[in-house]
C-alpha cells in the first residue's frame, strides 16, 4: 500500500483544538531524534514544535 495507508489507523483523529501538524513532518522529527540521540529541544524547526513532536512520540 502506498502513501502510508497502513499507518492511518495509528494517527489520532482531528478533534477540538488547534489544527494538527502534518503527520509526516512529526514522524520525521521523531525518527530524527531517535536516529541522532539529540535532545528534544534541539529539534530543527522544519519538524514543527519540539513539544508537539515529543507529545506524539509519548502517545
Protein backbone atom coordinates (compact mmCIF):
# COMPACT_ATOMS: atom_id res chain seq x y z
CA UNK A 1 0.00 0.00 0.00
CA UNK A 2 1.25 3.43 -0.86
CA UNK A 3 1.10 6.80 0.87
CA UNK A 4 1.06 5.40 4.37
CA UNK A 5 -2.44 3.89 4.32
CA UNK A 6 -1.19 1.15 6.62
CA UNK A 7 -0.27 3.75 9.24
CA UNK A 8 -3.51 5.78 9.14
CA UNK A 9 -5.24 3.85 11.95
CA UNK A 10 -2.39 4.76 14.29
CA UNK A 11 -2.69 8.54 13.83
CA UNK A 12 -5.01 10.43 16.16
CA UNK A 13 -8.09 12.00 14.58
CA UNK A 14 -8.53 15.78 14.33
CA UNK A 15 -10.63 16.83 17.26
CA UNK A 16 -11.25 20.08 19.01
CA UNK A 17 -8.35 22.42 19.44
CA UNK A 18 -5.66 23.69 17.11
CA UNK A 19 -5.20 22.23 13.63
CA UNK A 20 -2.91 19.22 13.63
CA UNK A 21 0.58 19.50 12.19
CA UNK A 22 1.45 17.38 9.18
CA UNK A 23 1.85 13.81 10.34
CA UNK A 24 4.79 13.17 8.02
CA UNK A 25 6.76 16.13 9.44
CA UNK A 26 6.11 14.99 13.01
CA UNK A 27 7.07 11.40 12.23
CA UNK A 28 10.27 12.54 10.54
CA UNK A 29 11.03 14.61 13.64
CA UNK A 30 10.60 11.55 15.86
CA UNK A 31 12.84 9.49 13.59
CA UNK A 32 15.45 12.27 13.58
CA UNK A 33 15.59 12.35 17.40
CA UNK A 34 15.78 8.56 17.67
CA UNK A 35 18.49 8.37 15.00
CA UNK A 36 20.70 11.18 16.32
CA UNK A 37 20.06 10.99 20.06
CA UNK A 38 19.69 14.78 20.19
CA UNK A 39 17.62 16.37 22.97
CA UNK A 40 14.03 17.23 22.05
CA UNK A 41 14.64 20.96 22.47
CA UNK A 42 17.31 20.81 19.71
CA UNK A 43 14.85 19.52 17.11
CA UNK A 44 15.01 21.54 13.88
CA UNK A 45 12.11 23.91 13.19
CA UNK A 46 11.25 22.11 9.95
CA UNK A 47 9.75 19.26 12.02
CA UNK A 48 7.39 21.53 13.93
CA UNK A 49 7.40 22.48 17.61
CA UNK A 50 9.51 20.10 19.69
CA UNK A 51 6.72 19.81 22.26
CA UNK A 52 4.28 18.58 19.59
CA UNK A 53 6.75 16.01 18.29
CA UNK A 54 7.55 14.84 21.81
CA UNK A 55 3.90 14.52 22.81
CA UNK A 56 3.11 12.45 19.72
CA UNK A 57 6.12 10.26 20.49
CA UNK A 58 4.91 9.67 24.04
CA UNK A 59 1.40 8.79 22.84
